[in-house]
Amino acid sequence: MRYQSTRPKRQFLAGVKCTQCKATDTTVQVQIFTPEPDEYIECVACGHTARRPTADDLPQIQATTEGAMTESVGVVRFVK
């Protein structure tokens, strides 16, 4: 029988900067299996945590970013 740990799985993410303290290589991905599976990232330097957006959040995020992108689109001409 294979041993299954109930402890959270922590994996360092190489080259990732914390969005709060801007420290590089201090972010870990944490996976929790019990009582319900969950996943988030955490900075070991400052303690900042963040979750991935859920499928329900994506339409709202896409509408926000699409609106911002259409306002800032312009024509760029290169002159020799």
N, C-alpha and C. Protein backbone atom coordinates (compact mmCIF):
# COMPACT_ATOMS: atom_id res chain seq x y z
N MET A 1 0.83 -1.18 0.00
CA MET A 1 0.00 0.00 0.00
C MET A 1 0.88 1.25 0.00
N ARG A 2 0.50 2.24 -0.80
CA ARG A 2 1.27 3.47 -0.92
C ARG A 2 0.89 4.43 0.19
N TYR A 3 1.90 5.07 0.78
CA TYR A 3 1.66 6.02 1.86
C TYR A 3 1.14 7.34 1.29
N GLN A 4 0.02 7.82 1.79
CA GLN A 4 -0.57 9.09 1.38
C GLN A 4 -0.51 10.05 2.56
N SER A 5 0.21 11.13 2.39
CA SER A 5 0.32 12.12 3.45
C SER A 5 -0.87 13.08 3.39
N THR A 6 -1.32 13.54 4.54
CA THR A 6 -2.38 14.53 4.59
C THR A 6 -1.81 15.93 4.79
N ARG A 7 -0.48 16.03 4.91
CA ARG A 7 0.16 17.35 5.05
C ARG A 7 0.06 18.11 3.74
N PRO A 8 0.02 19.45 3.80
CA PRO A 8 0.01 20.25 2.57
C PRO A 8 1.30 20.05 1.78
N LYS A 9 1.18 19.99 0.47
CA LYS A 9 2.33 19.86 -0.41
C LYS A 9 2.80 21.28 -0.75
N ARG A 10 4.08 21.57 -0.52
CA ARG A 10 4.64 22.89 -0.79
C ARG A 10 5.74 22.75 -1.83
N GLN A 11 5.67 23.59 -2.87
CA GLN A 11 6.64 23.53 -3.96
C GLN A 11 7.08 24.96 -4.31
N PHE A 12 8.40 25.21 -4.25
CA PHE A 12 8.91 26.53 -4.61
C PHE A 12 8.76 26.77 -6.10
N LEU A 13 8.42 27.99 -6.47
CA LEU A 13 8.26 28.40 -7.87
C LEU A 13 9.47 29.25 -8.24
N ALA A 14 10.34 28.73 -9.07
CA ALA A 14 11.58 29.41 -9.43
C ALA A 14 11.30 30.62 -10.32
N GLY A 15 11.96 31.72 -10.01
CA GLY A 15 11.89 32.92 -10.83
C GLY A 15 10.64 33.74 -10.66
N VAL A 16 9.79 33.41 -9.70
CA VAL A 16 8.53 34.14 -9.50
C VAL A 16 8.75 35.23 -8.46
N LYS A 17 8.24 36.45 -8.75
CA LYS A 17 8.32 37.57 -7.82
C LYS A 17 7.02 37.68 -7.04
N CYS A 18 7.14 38.00 -5.77
CA CYS A 18 5.96 38.26 -4.93
C CYS A 18 5.36 39.59 -5.38
N THR A 19 4.05 39.63 -5.51
CA THR A 19 3.40 40.85 -5.96
C THR A 19 3.37 41.92 -4.89
N GLN A 20 3.58 41.55 -3.63
CA GLN A 20 3.53 42.53 -2.56
C GLN A 20 4.92 43.05 -2.19
N CYS A 21 5.86 42.16 -1.86
CA CYS A 21 7.19 42.61 -1.41
C CYS A 21 8.23 42.61 -2.52
N LYS A 22 7.90 42.11 -3.70
CA LYS A 22 8.77 42.09 -4.89
C LYS A 22 10.02 41.23 -4.72
N ALA A 23 10.04 40.34 -3.73
CA ALA A 23 11.17 39.44 -3.54
C ALA A 23 11.08 38.29 -4.55
N THR A 24 12.22 37.91 -5.12
CA THR A 24 12.26 36.82 -6.11
C THR A 24 12.60 35.50 -5.42
N ASP A 25 12.05 34.43 -5.93
CA ASP A 25 12.29 33.06 -5.44
C ASP A 25 11.88 32.85 -3.98
N THR A 26 10.83 33.51 -3.55
CA THR A 26 10.31 33.29 -2.20
C THR A 26 8.87 32.78 -2.22
N THR A 27 8.35 32.49 -3.42
CA THR A 27 6.95 32.08 -3.56
C THR A 27 6.85 30.56 -3.62
N VAL A 28 5.92 30.02 -2.85
CA VAL A 28 5.65 28.58 -2.87
C VAL A 28 4.21 28.34 -3.27
N GLN A 29 3.99 27.24 -3.98
CA GLN A 29 2.65 26.80 -4.31
C GLN A 29 2.25 25.77 -3.26
N VAL A 30 1.11 25.97 -2.63
CA VAL A 30 0.66 25.10 -1.56
C VAL A 30 -0.59 24.37 -2.02
N GLN A 31 -0.57 23.04 -1.92
CA GLN A 31 -1.73 22.22 -2.24
C GLN A 31 -2.20 21.54 -0.97
N ILE A 32 -3.48 21.72 -0.67
CA ILE A 32 -4.09 21.10 0.51
C ILE A 32 -5.05 20.02 0.03
N PHE A 33 -5.00 18.87 0.66
CA PHE A 33 -5.82 17.73 0.22
C PHE A 33 -7.01 17.47 1.13
N THR A 34 -6.88 17.80 2.42
CA THR A 34 -7.98 17.55 3.35
C THR A 34 -8.31 18.83 4.09
N PRO A 35 -9.49 19.13 4.44
CA PRO A 35 -10.72 18.38 4.25
C PRO A 35 -11.24 18.45 2.82
N GLU A 36 -10.87 19.51 2.07
CA GLU A 36 -11.28 19.62 0.68
C GLU A 36 -10.07 20.10 -0.12
N PRO A 37 -9.83 19.56 -1.32
CA PRO A 37 -8.67 19.98 -2.10
C PRO A 37 -8.69 21.48 -2.40
N ASP A 38 -7.55 22.13 -2.23
CA ASP A 38 -7.42 23.56 -2.47
C ASP A 38 -5.98 23.84 -2.88
N GLU A 39 -5.78 24.99 -3.53
CA GLU A 39 -4.44 25.35 -3.99
C GLU A 39 -4.30 26.87 -3.95
N TYR A 40 -3.16 27.35 -3.48
CA TYR A 40 -2.88 28.78 -3.46
C TYR A 40 -1.37 28.98 -3.47
N ILE A 41 -0.93 30.25 -3.65
CA ILE A 41 0.49 30.56 -3.57
C ILE A 41 0.72 31.43 -2.35
N GLU A 42 1.93 31.34 -1.79
CA GLU A 42 2.27 32.07 -0.58
C GLU A 42 3.72 32.52 -0.65
N CYS A 43 3.99 33.74 -0.21
CA CYS A 43 5.36 34.26 -0.13
C CYS A 43 5.90 33.93 1.25
N VAL A 44 7.05 33.26 1.31
CA VAL A 44 7.61 32.89 2.60
C VAL A 44 8.31 34.08 3.26
N ALA A 45 8.62 35.14 2.48
CA ALA A 45 9.28 36.32 3.05
C ALA A 45 8.29 37.23 3.78
N CYS A 46 7.15 37.54 3.15
CA CYS A 46 6.21 38.50 3.76
C CYS A 46 4.88 37.87 4.18
N GLY A 47 4.59 36.64 3.76
CA GLY A 47 3.35 35.98 4.15
C GLY A 47 2.16 36.26 3.25
N HIS A 48 2.36 36.99 2.16
CA HIS A 48 1.27 37.32 1.23
C HIS A 48 0.76 36.03 0.57
N THR A 49 -0.57 35.88 0.47
CA THR A 49 -1.16 34.71 -0.18
C THR A 49 -2.10 35.18 -1.28
N ALA A 50 -2.27 34.33 -2.31
CA ALA A 50 -3.18 34.62 -3.42
C ALA A 50 -3.71 33.32 -3.97
N ARG A 51 -4.95 33.37 -4.44
CA ARG A 51 -5.59 32.20 -5.05
C ARG A 51 -5.77 32.44 -6.53
N ARG A 52 -5.82 31.36 -7.29
CA ARG A 52 -6.13 31.45 -8.71
C ARG A 52 -7.60 31.80 -8.87
N PRO A 53 -7.94 32.51 -9.94
CA PRO A 53 -9.36 32.80 -10.15
C PRO A 53 -10.14 31.52 -10.47
N THR A 54 -11.38 31.46 -9.99
CA THR A 54 -12.22 30.31 -10.27
C THR A 54 -12.88 30.49 -11.63
N ALA A 55 -13.53 29.47 -12.12
CA ALA A 55 -14.23 29.54 -13.41
C ALA A 55 -15.34 30.58 -13.37
N ASP A 56 -15.93 30.81 -12.20
CA ASP A 56 -16.98 31.82 -12.07
C ASP A 56 -16.43 33.24 -12.15
N ASP A 57 -15.16 33.44 -11.74
CA ASP A 57 -14.54 34.76 -11.75
C ASP A 57 -14.02 35.16 -13.12
N LEU A 58 -13.74 34.20 -14.00
CA LEU A 58 -13.10 34.51 -15.27
C LEU A 58 -13.88 35.47 -16.17
N PRO A 59 -15.20 35.33 -16.36
CA PRO A 59 -15.89 36.30 -17.23
C PRO A 59 -15.75 37.74 -16.75
N GLN A 60 -15.79 37.96 -15.45
CA GLN A 60 -15.65 39.30 -14.91
C GLN A 60 -14.23 39.83 -15.14
N ILE A 61 -13.23 39.00 -14.96
CA ILE A 61 -11.84 39.41 -15.17
C ILE A 61 -11.59 39.71 -16.64
N GLN A 62 -12.09 38.87 -17.52
CA GLN A 62 -11.90 39.09 -18.95
C GLN A 62 -12.59 40.36 -19.42
N ALA A 63 -13.79 40.65 -18.91
CA ALA A 63 -14.50 41.87 -19.29
C ALA A 63 -13.74 43.10 -18.83
N THR A 64 -13.14 43.03 -17.66
CA THR A 64 -12.36 44.16 -17.14
C THR A 64 -11.10 44.40 -17.95
N THR A 65 -10.37 43.33 -18.28
CA THR A 65 -9.12 43.50 -19.02
C THR A 65 -9.37 43.85 -20.48
N GLU A 66 -10.44 43.34 -21.09
CA GLU A 66 -10.74 43.67 -22.48
C GLU A 66 -11.11 45.14 -22.61
N GLY A 67 -11.85 45.68 -21.66
CA GLY A 67 -12.21 47.09 -21.68
C GLY A 67 -10.99 47.98 -21.55
N ALA A 68 -10.06 47.58 -20.73
CA ALA A 68 -8.84 48.37 -20.54
C ALA A 68 -7.94 48.28 -21.76
N MET A 69 -7.92 47.13 -22.41
CA MET A 69 -7.05 46.95 -23.56
C MET A 69 -7.55 47.73 -24.77
N THR A 70 -8.87 47.82 -24.97
CA THR A 70 -9.38 48.52 -26.14
C THR A 70 -9.18 50.03 -26.02
N GLU A 71 -9.12 50.53 -24.80
CA GLU A 71 -8.89 51.96 -24.60
C GLU A 71 -7.45 52.35 -24.90
N SER A 72 -6.51 51.45 -24.73
CA SER A 72 -5.11 51.79 -24.89
C SER A 72 -4.51 51.32 -26.21
N VAL A 73 -5.34 50.83 -27.14
CA VAL A 73 -4.85 50.36 -28.43
C VAL A 73 -4.67 51.55 -29.34
N GLY A 74 -3.53 51.59 -30.03
CA GLY A 74 -3.27 52.69 -30.95
C GLY A 74 -2.46 52.19 -32.13
N VAL A 75 -2.21 53.07 -33.08
CA VAL A 75 -1.44 52.74 -34.27
C VAL A 75 -0.01 53.23 -34.06
N VAL A 76 0.94 52.35 -34.33
CA VAL A 76 2.35 52.71 -34.21
C VAL A 76 2.96 52.68 -35.59
N ARG A 77 3.61 53.76 -36.00
CA ARG A 77 4.27 53.82 -37.30
C ARG A 77 5.76 53.99 -37.08
N PHE A 78 6.54 53.17 -37.76
CA PHE A 78 7.99 53.25 -37.67
C PHE A 78 8.52 54.04 -38.85
N VAL A 79 9.39 55.01 -38.59
CA VAL A 79 9.97 55.87 -39.61
C VAL A 79 11.44 55.48 -39.77
N LYS A 80 11.85 55.35 -41.04
CA LYS A 80 13.26 54.99 -41.30
C LYS A 80 14.16 56.18 -41.21
